[in-house]
Amino acid sequence: MKLLHTSDWHLGKRLDDFSRMEEQQAVLQEICEIAEREQVDAVLVAGDLFDTFNPPTEAVDLFYKTLKRLAADGKRPVIAIAGNHDSPDRIEAPDPLARECGIIFAGYPNSVVAPFELDSGLRVLQSTEGFLELQLPGASVPLRILHTSYANEYRLKTFLGQENNEEELRTVLQEKWQKLTEQYCDEQGVNILVSHLFMVKKGDELPEEPEDEKPILHVGGAQAIFTENVPKQIQYTALGHLHRMHRVDEKPCPVFYGGSPLSYSFAEANQKKYALIIEAEPGEAAKVREVELTRGKRLLRKRAEGLDEALQWLAENQDALVELTLVTETFLTAVERRKLNAAHPGIVAIIPEVTDAESLVGSQQKQIDLNQSMEKLFRDYFKHEKGQEPNEELMNLFKEILAEED
């Protein structure tokens, strides 16, 4: 059995004032072509399908058109779960119609997929809260999927029927997953876990969540889940949330974050993006192959010493979105800004780094660069007011407030 794992499409997301819709159309077309070329049997989309609870119409149109193509008239099922950016109700709303195309949605950790059968041969064999077993067209063995969509820690425990709120979430999840696998996941089928949670190998350093991402590990968010909590019957774990594709662990099975198909912040500058091809057979750990995605624009950061160096570098990197830090002896003039913007169509931010700012400012108010992120502006303000950097706890709380505002 061959599967395609993708995640974190964030349809409708912008980079400051720059729309990414054209790039999203191109890269999703590329994912469809990979699915067709590789002749995959099913597609797993591990959450953050949209960037907001109420995405723009063009993002919704692109989403359903892409899933319909991926599903190939019900011959190739698409299983998509909700992430922390998605409205679970919006994700599940078109489910009755989507099932007719072979598209299966799970908005909540306890979602139950209604039984159905298509002329293509796709059929739901068994379904319960958080679990789904499918007969795929042309496949000799069933596909079993444990699906755990995003919910914060309190809601996850509620969905899982956990009354003791003091018990660790990872323990509650492990017990739930173990119960499902013992009941449904023998070695006569392919067993997969799909989730949108923060998962790490126990003892490893926690990876950073994406810049400008709604945090799920901080105040009010779910605690980290360990790879050792994954049941031994599972042959591959498909994760969403972190935007860098990477392997979390090889035991008890390959555990991978699919990563986003585009770089969505300059913290992801120069990252390569991938679709993951999973080859699995009953009783064996899955084999994972990375297929690079190439149709998104590069995000580049440049620190230039003076206007001339900046203009030359911009001329050499036209097909990219750019964050430019310009080192100068004086503040940028309006004429210099116009020259820079005229030299490149994709300048997202110009950050002046004035070498002698204090003497230039004198009694005047220091210039504020409003092109900076809200997080950076808050850091600067806090340091100006308090004389020190805000601590990590305060920054995590500020990021969560930003997420709620979004």
Protein backbone atom coordinates (compact mmCIF):
# COMPACT_ATOMS: atom_id res chain seq x y z
CA MET A 1 0.00 0.00 0.00
CA LYS A 2 1.30 3.45 -0.92
CA LEU A 3 0.16 6.64 0.86
CA LEU A 4 0.91 10.36 0.51
CA HIS A 5 1.34 12.41 3.70
CA THR A 6 0.95 16.20 3.58
CA SER A 7 -0.11 18.84 6.10
CA ASP A 8 -0.29 22.51 7.08
CA TRP A 9 -1.61 23.91 3.81
CA HIS A 10 -2.77 27.10 5.62
CA LEU A 11 -4.90 28.08 2.64
CA GLY A 12 -5.64 31.81 2.62
CA LYS A 13 -2.49 32.72 4.56
CA ARG A 14 -0.68 35.90 3.59
CA LEU A 15 2.86 37.07 4.25
CA ASP A 16 2.23 40.59 5.52
CA ASP A 17 0.63 42.30 2.49
CA PHE A 18 1.61 39.55 0.04
CA SER A 19 -1.03 37.05 -1.08
CA ARG A 20 0.26 33.48 -1.37
CA MET A 21 -2.81 32.19 -3.24
CA GLU A 22 -1.05 31.84 -6.59
CA GLU A 23 1.77 29.88 -4.96
CA GLN A 24 -0.71 27.74 -3.04
CA GLN A 25 -2.50 26.88 -6.29
CA ALA A 26 0.82 25.92 -7.89
CA VAL A 27 2.11 23.76 -5.03
CA LEU A 28 -1.22 21.95 -4.51
CA GLN A 29 -1.24 21.23 -8.24
CA GLU A 30 2.25 19.77 -7.72
CA ILE A 31 0.99 17.58 -4.85
CA CYS A 32 -1.84 16.31 -7.08
CA GLU A 33 0.67 15.47 -9.82
CA ILE A 34 2.85 13.59 -7.32
CA ALA A 35 -0.15 11.57 -6.10
CA GLU A 36 -1.01 10.65 -9.68
CA ARG A 37 2.55 9.91 -10.74
CA GLU A 38 3.23 7.76 -7.68
CA GLN A 39 -0.19 6.07 -8.00
CA VAL A 40 -0.77 6.36 -4.27
CA ASP A 41 -3.69 4.46 -2.73
CA ALA A 42 -4.72 7.17 -0.24
CA VAL A 43 -3.82 10.72 0.84
CA LEU A 44 -3.44 11.87 4.46
CA VAL A 45 -3.77 15.60 5.24
CA ALA A 46 -2.73 16.12 8.87
CA GLY A 47 -4.44 19.38 9.81
CA ASP A 48 -4.22 23.16 9.43
CA LEU A 49 -6.06 22.94 6.13
CA PHE A 50 -6.95 26.64 6.33
CA ASP A 51 -5.15 29.50 8.04
CA THR A 52 -8.20 30.87 9.87
CA PHE A 53 -11.58 29.69 11.13
CA ASN A 54 -13.22 31.82 8.42
CA PRO A 55 -11.03 31.51 5.32
CA PRO A 56 -11.59 33.63 2.19
CA THR A 57 -13.80 32.22 -0.55
CA GLU A 58 -10.89 31.67 -2.94
CA ALA A 59 -9.13 29.53 -0.31
CA VAL A 60 -12.26 27.41 0.19
CA ASP A 61 -12.64 26.95 -3.58
CA LEU A 62 -9.01 25.87 -3.93
CA PHE A 63 -9.36 23.45 -1.03
CA TYR A 64 -12.32 21.51 -2.39
CA LYS A 65 -11.06 21.50 -5.98
CA THR A 66 -7.74 20.08 -4.79
CA LEU A 67 -9.33 17.37 -2.65
CA LYS A 68 -11.67 16.38 -5.47
CA ARG A 69 -8.72 15.95 -7.83
CA LEU A 70 -6.71 14.04 -5.22
CA ALA A 71 -9.65 11.71 -4.59
CA ALA A 72 -9.85 10.76 -8.30
CA ASP A 73 -13.60 10.10 -8.35
CA GLY A 74 -13.47 7.99 -5.20
CA LYS A 75 -10.65 5.73 -6.38
CA ARG A 76 -8.16 7.32 -3.97
CA PRO A 77 -9.58 8.31 -0.57
CA VAL A 78 -8.44 11.53 1.06
CA ILE A 79 -8.50 11.62 4.87
CA ALA A 80 -8.22 15.17 6.23
CA ILE A 81 -8.28 16.15 9.92
CA ALA A 82 -8.64 19.54 11.59
CA GLY A 83 -5.65 21.40 13.03
CA ASN A 84 -5.49 24.23 15.54
CA HIS A 85 -6.11 26.81 12.78
CA ASP A 86 -9.26 25.05 11.54
CA SER A 87 -12.88 25.28 12.62
CA PRO A 88 -13.88 21.66 13.33
CA ASP A 89 -17.49 22.36 12.39
CA ARG A 90 -16.50 23.99 9.10
CA ILE A 91 -14.25 21.04 8.26
CA GLU A 92 -17.01 18.50 8.90
CA ALA A 93 -19.92 20.49 7.40
CA PRO A 94 -19.64 19.15 3.81
CA ASP A 95 -18.98 15.57 4.97
CA PRO A 96 -22.09 13.88 3.44
CA LEU A 97 -21.33 15.33 0.00
CA ALA A 98 -17.58 14.85 0.37
CA ARG A 99 -17.97 11.13 1.13
CA GLU A 100 -19.56 10.68 -2.31
CA CYS A 101 -16.23 11.82 -3.76
CA GLY A 102 -14.11 9.64 -1.44
CA ILE A 103 -13.16 12.55 0.85
CA ILE A 104 -13.30 11.86 4.59
CA PHE A 105 -13.18 14.64 7.22
CA ALA A 106 -12.54 14.42 10.98
CA GLY A 107 -13.00 17.71 12.82
CA TYR A 108 -12.85 16.44 16.39
CA PRO A 109 -10.75 13.83 18.23
CA ASN A 110 -13.92 11.79 18.82
CA SER A 111 -15.38 12.16 15.31
CA VAL A 112 -17.10 9.08 13.90
CA VAL A 113 -17.05 8.57 10.13
CA ALA A 114 -20.43 7.43 8.83
CA PRO A 115 -20.33 4.11 6.89
CA PHE A 116 -20.49 4.39 3.10
CA GLU A 117 -19.56 2.48 -0.04
CA LEU A 118 -18.75 3.83 -3.51
CA ASP A 119 -18.91 2.25 -6.96
CA SER A 120 -15.12 2.63 -7.12
CA GLY A 121 -14.80 -0.10 -4.47
CA LEU A 122 -13.97 2.26 -1.60
CA ARG A 123 -15.81 1.12 1.52
CA VAL A 124 -15.85 1.85 5.25
CA LEU A 125 -15.46 -1.50 6.98
CA GLN A 126 -15.53 -0.27 10.59
CA SER A 127 -15.77 3.10 12.31
CA THR A 128 -15.85 4.34 15.88
CA GLU A 129 -14.70 7.42 17.79
CA GLY A 130 -11.19 8.26 16.57
CA PHE A 131 -10.89 5.17 14.36
CA LEU A 132 -11.62 4.23 10.76
CA GLU A 133 -11.04 1.07 8.70
CA LEU A 134 -11.23 1.30 4.91
CA GLN A 135 -11.23 -1.15 2.04
CA LEU A 136 -9.35 0.63 -0.75
CA PRO A 137 -10.03 0.04 -4.45
CA GLY A 138 -7.58 -2.57 -5.71
CA ALA A 139 -5.94 -3.17 -2.31
CA SER A 140 -5.80 -6.68 -0.90
CA VAL A 141 -5.59 -5.55 2.76
CA PRO A 142 -7.55 -2.91 4.72
CA LEU A 143 -6.24 0.50 5.81
CA ARG A 144 -6.79 1.24 9.50
CA ILE A 145 -6.50 4.86 10.66
CA LEU A 146 -6.38 6.20 14.21
CA HIS A 147 -7.22 9.90 13.82
CA THR A 148 -6.77 12.53 16.54
CA SER A 149 -7.63 16.03 15.37
CA TYR A 150 -6.42 19.04 17.33
CA ALA A 151 -8.11 20.11 20.55
CA ASN A 152 -6.65 21.84 23.57
CA GLU A 153 -5.80 19.71 26.58
CA TYR A 154 -9.09 20.25 28.43
CA ARG A 155 -11.21 19.42 25.37
CA LEU A 156 -9.08 16.43 24.46
CA LYS A 157 -9.62 14.94 27.90
CA THR A 158 -13.34 15.68 27.62
CA PHE A 159 -13.57 14.03 24.20
CA LEU A 160 -11.68 11.02 25.49
CA GLY A 161 -14.00 10.66 28.49
CA GLN A 162 -11.30 11.46 31.03
CA GLU A 163 -12.70 12.68 34.35
CA ASN A 164 -9.41 13.07 36.21
CA ASN A 165 -7.99 16.34 34.89
CA GLU A 166 -4.79 15.84 36.85
CA GLU A 167 -3.82 12.81 34.78
CA GLU A 168 -1.30 13.54 32.07
CA LEU A 169 -2.77 13.95 28.61
CA ARG A 170 -0.13 11.69 27.09
CA THR A 171 -1.25 8.87 29.39
CA VAL A 172 -4.90 9.39 28.49
CA LEU A 173 -4.12 9.39 24.76
CA GLN A 174 -1.92 6.33 25.02
CA GLU A 175 -4.67 4.40 26.77
CA LYS A 176 -7.22 5.44 24.15
CA TRP A 177 -4.94 4.59 21.23
CA GLN A 178 -3.94 1.29 22.81
CA LYS A 179 -7.54 0.27 23.33
CA LEU A 180 -8.36 1.00 19.67
CA THR A 181 -5.34 -0.82 18.29
CA GLU A 182 -5.88 -3.89 20.43
CA GLN A 183 -9.47 -4.07 19.21
CA TYR A 184 -8.99 -3.26 15.52
CA CYS A 185 -5.32 -3.31 14.45
CA ASP A 186 -3.90 -6.79 13.89
CA GLU A 187 -1.23 -7.70 11.33
CA GLN A 188 -3.76 -8.37 8.60
CA GLY A 189 -3.91 -4.71 7.56
CA VAL A 190 -1.94 -1.46 7.40
CA ASN A 191 -2.20 0.56 10.65
CA ILE A 192 -1.63 4.34 10.60
CA LEU A 193 -1.93 7.16 13.18
CA VAL A 194 -2.83 10.64 11.86
CA SER A 195 -2.74 13.53 14.33
CA HIS A 196 -2.24 17.27 14.80
CA LEU A 197 -0.43 17.37 18.12
CA PHE A 198 2.98 18.36 19.48
CA MET A 199 4.91 15.07 19.53
CA VAL A 200 8.57 14.56 20.45
CA LYS A 201 10.94 11.77 21.34
CA LYS A 202 11.20 11.64 25.13
CA GLY A 203 14.40 13.35 26.26
CA ASP A 204 14.89 15.33 23.05
CA GLU A 205 14.92 19.12 23.05
CA LEU A 206 11.53 20.57 22.14
CA PRO A 207 11.53 22.00 18.60
CA GLU A 208 10.30 25.58 18.16
CA GLU A 209 6.79 26.07 16.87
CA PRO A 210 6.55 28.06 13.62
CA GLU A 211 6.91 31.84 13.78
CA ASP A 212 3.48 33.56 13.84
CA GLU A 213 1.91 30.11 14.49
CA LYS A 214 -0.85 29.68 17.03
CA PRO A 215 0.97 27.86 19.85
CA ILE A 216 -0.42 24.54 21.05
CA LEU A 217 2.19 23.75 23.69
CA HIS A 218 1.89 26.87 25.81
CA VAL A 219 -0.71 28.46 28.07
CA GLY A 220 -3.98 26.54 27.67
CA GLY A 221 -2.46 24.26 25.04
CA ALA A 222 -1.84 20.55 25.01
CA GLN A 223 1.34 19.14 26.54
CA ALA A 224 3.89 17.36 24.38
CA ILE A 225 3.08 13.75 23.50
CA PHE A 226 5.96 11.26 23.42
CA THR A 227 6.63 8.89 20.55
CA GLU A 228 6.73 6.07 23.10
CA ASN A 229 2.98 6.71 23.62
CA VAL A 230 2.29 5.44 20.06
CA PRO A 231 1.06 1.81 20.16
CA LYS A 232 3.40 -0.84 18.79
CA GLN A 233 0.78 -1.95 16.26
CA ILE A 234 1.08 1.39 14.41
CA GLN A 235 3.34 1.27 11.34
CA TYR A 236 3.53 5.00 10.56
CA THR A 237 2.56 8.21 12.37
CA ALA A 238 1.57 11.19 10.17
CA LEU A 239 1.78 14.48 12.05
CA GLY A 240 0.85 18.08 11.33
CA HIS A 241 1.63 21.43 13.04
CA LEU A 242 5.40 21.96 12.72
CA HIS A 243 6.25 23.52 9.34
CA ARG A 244 9.64 21.86 8.89
CA MET A 245 9.39 18.36 7.50
CA HIS A 246 11.37 16.05 9.76
CA ARG A 247 11.51 12.62 11.31
CA VAL A 248 10.71 12.71 15.02
CA ASP A 249 11.58 9.08 15.74
CA GLU A 250 11.93 5.63 14.19
CA LYS A 251 10.43 3.72 17.14
CA PRO A 252 7.93 2.26 17.65
CA CYS A 253 7.43 3.23 14.00
CA PRO A 254 8.52 6.06 11.67
CA VAL A 255 7.03 9.27 13.12
CA PHE A 256 7.13 12.25 10.73
CA TYR A 257 5.96 15.83 10.57
CA GLY A 258 4.93 16.42 6.96
CA GLY A 259 5.71 20.14 7.14
CA SER A 260 4.02 22.91 5.21
CA PRO A 261 4.15 22.94 1.38
CA LEU A 262 5.28 26.59 1.39
CA SER A 263 7.54 28.64 3.66
CA TYR A 264 5.11 30.85 5.55
CA SER A 265 7.49 33.01 7.60
CA PHE A 266 11.08 34.18 7.32
CA ALA A 267 11.98 31.80 10.13
CA GLU A 268 11.51 29.16 7.40
CA ALA A 269 13.84 30.95 4.93
CA ASN A 270 15.76 28.50 2.74
CA GLN A 271 13.81 25.50 4.05
CA LYS A 272 13.07 22.79 1.52
CA LYS A 273 9.48 21.53 1.43
CA TYR A 274 8.28 17.99 0.74
CA ALA A 275 5.44 15.58 0.21
CA LEU A 276 6.07 12.23 1.92
CA ILE A 277 5.43 8.92 0.15
CA ILE A 278 4.73 6.07 2.57
CA GLU A 279 5.03 2.43 1.50
CA ALA A 280 3.56 -0.02 4.00
CA GLU A 281 2.61 -3.66 4.22
CA PRO A 282 1.06 -5.54 7.14
CA GLY A 283 3.32 -6.32 10.07
CA GLU A 284 6.25 -4.18 8.88
CA ALA A 285 7.44 -0.66 9.69
CA ALA A 286 6.60 1.68 6.83
CA LYS A 287 9.22 3.01 4.42
CA VAL A 288 9.27 6.78 3.89
CA ARG A 289 10.45 8.64 0.81
CA GLU A 290 10.72 12.43 0.51
CA VAL A 291 9.59 14.15 -2.70
CA GLU A 292 10.71 17.80 -2.83
CA LEU A 293 8.13 20.47 -3.67
CA THR A 294 9.55 23.15 -5.94
CA ARG A 295 6.78 25.53 -7.02
CA GLY A 296 6.70 27.92 -4.09
CA LYS A 297 8.74 31.09 -3.91
CA ARG A 298 11.89 31.09 -1.81
CA LEU A 299 11.90 33.26 1.30
CA LEU A 300 15.27 34.99 1.67
CA ARG A 301 16.80 37.13 4.38
CA LYS A 302 19.64 39.49 3.47
CA ARG A 303 21.77 41.84 5.55
CA ALA A 304 23.34 44.35 3.17
CA GLU A 305 26.06 46.89 3.95
CA GLY A 306 24.73 49.96 2.20
CA LEU A 307 22.30 50.76 -0.58
CA ASP A 308 24.51 49.67 -3.51
CA GLU A 309 25.05 46.16 -2.11
CA ALA A 310 21.34 45.85 -1.42
CA LEU A 311 20.36 46.88 -4.95
CA GLN A 312 22.83 44.43 -6.52
CA TRP A 313 21.61 41.54 -4.36
CA LEU A 314 17.97 42.35 -5.09
CA ALA A 315 18.70 42.31 -8.83
CA GLU A 316 20.21 38.81 -8.47
CA ASN A 317 17.26 37.39 -6.49
CA GLN A 318 14.15 38.55 -8.29
CA ASP A 319 12.11 35.34 -7.93
CA ALA A 320 11.86 35.36 -4.14
CA LEU A 321 10.13 37.09 -1.26
CA VAL A 322 12.65 39.15 0.67
CA GLU A 323 13.31 40.49 4.15
CA LEU A 324 16.09 43.06 3.77
CA THR A 325 18.16 44.43 6.64
CA LEU A 326 20.04 47.49 5.42
CA VAL A 327 23.05 48.71 7.39
CA THR A 328 23.49 52.47 6.96
CA GLU A 329 25.00 55.41 8.80
CA THR A 330 21.77 57.41 8.59
CA PHE A 331 18.07 56.64 8.55
CA LEU A 332 16.62 55.63 5.19
CA THR A 333 15.17 58.47 3.14
CA ALA A 334 11.92 58.21 1.18
CA VAL A 335 13.96 58.31 -2.05
CA GLU A 336 16.10 55.34 -0.96
CA ARG A 337 13.01 53.34 0.00
CA ARG A 338 11.48 54.02 -3.41
CA LYS A 339 14.69 52.84 -5.11
CA LEU A 340 14.66 49.60 -3.14
CA ASN A 341 10.97 48.89 -3.79
CA ALA A 342 11.39 49.69 -7.49
CA ALA A 343 14.31 47.24 -7.70
CA HIS A 344 12.34 44.20 -6.51
CA PRO A 345 8.64 43.25 -6.59
CA GLY A 346 8.81 40.95 -3.56
CA ILE A 347 10.22 43.04 -0.71
CA VAL A 348 8.15 42.10 2.31
CA ALA A 349 10.10 44.11 4.89
CA ILE A 350 12.96 46.63 4.96
CA ILE A 351 14.69 46.77 8.33
CA PRO A 352 17.05 49.74 8.72
CA GLU A 353 20.06 49.07 10.94
CA VAL A 354 21.51 52.48 11.71
CA THR A 355 25.07 52.29 12.99
CA ASP A 356 24.95 55.64 14.82
CA ALA A 357 21.29 55.90 15.68
CA GLU A 358 21.70 57.50 19.11
CA SER A 359 23.58 60.56 17.88
CA LEU A 360 21.19 60.93 14.93
CA VAL A 361 18.08 60.78 17.05
CA GLY A 362 19.19 63.41 19.54
CA SER A 363 16.12 64.86 21.11
CA GLN A 364 13.86 63.45 18.37
CA GLN A 365 11.77 60.36 18.83
CA LYS A 366 13.45 57.18 17.56
CA GLN A 367 12.01 55.91 14.28
CA ILE A 368 9.85 52.78 14.63
CA ASP A 369 9.91 50.23 11.83
CA LEU A 370 6.30 49.10 11.51
CA ASN A 371 7.31 46.42 8.98
CA GLN A 372 8.44 44.29 11.91
CA SER A 373 6.27 41.48 13.28
CA MET A 374 3.94 42.21 16.18
CA GLU A 375 6.09 39.98 18.38
CA LYS A 376 9.25 41.98 17.57
CA LEU A 377 7.46 45.30 18.15
CA PHE A 378 6.26 44.05 21.53
CA ARG A 379 9.79 42.97 22.47
CA ASP A 380 11.16 46.41 21.54
CA TYR A 381 8.41 48.21 23.44
CA PHE A 382 8.88 46.06 26.55
CA LYS A 383 12.65 46.58 26.49
CA HIS A 384 12.18 50.35 26.07
CA GLU A 385 9.72 50.54 28.97
CA LYS A 386 11.26 48.01 31.37
CA GLY A 387 14.92 48.05 30.41
CA GLN A 388 15.03 44.28 29.85
CA GLU A 389 13.81 41.58 27.48
CA PRO A 390 10.42 39.98 28.28
CA ASN A 391 10.79 36.45 29.66
CA GLU A 392 9.67 33.33 27.83
CA GLU A 393 6.47 32.91 29.86
CA LEU A 394 5.33 36.44 29.02
CA MET A 395 6.17 36.00 25.32
CA ASN A 396 4.22 32.72 25.19
CA LEU A 397 1.21 34.46 26.75
CA PHE A 398 1.52 37.36 24.28
CA LYS A 399 1.65 34.91 21.33
CA GLU A 400 -1.48 33.17 22.60
CA ILE A 401 -3.29 36.51 22.88
CA LEU A 402 -2.26 37.26 19.29
CA ALA A 403 -3.61 33.89 18.21
CA GLU A 404 -6.96 34.59 19.87
CA GLU A 405 -7.09 38.00 18.18
CA ASP A 406 -6.47 36.32 14.80
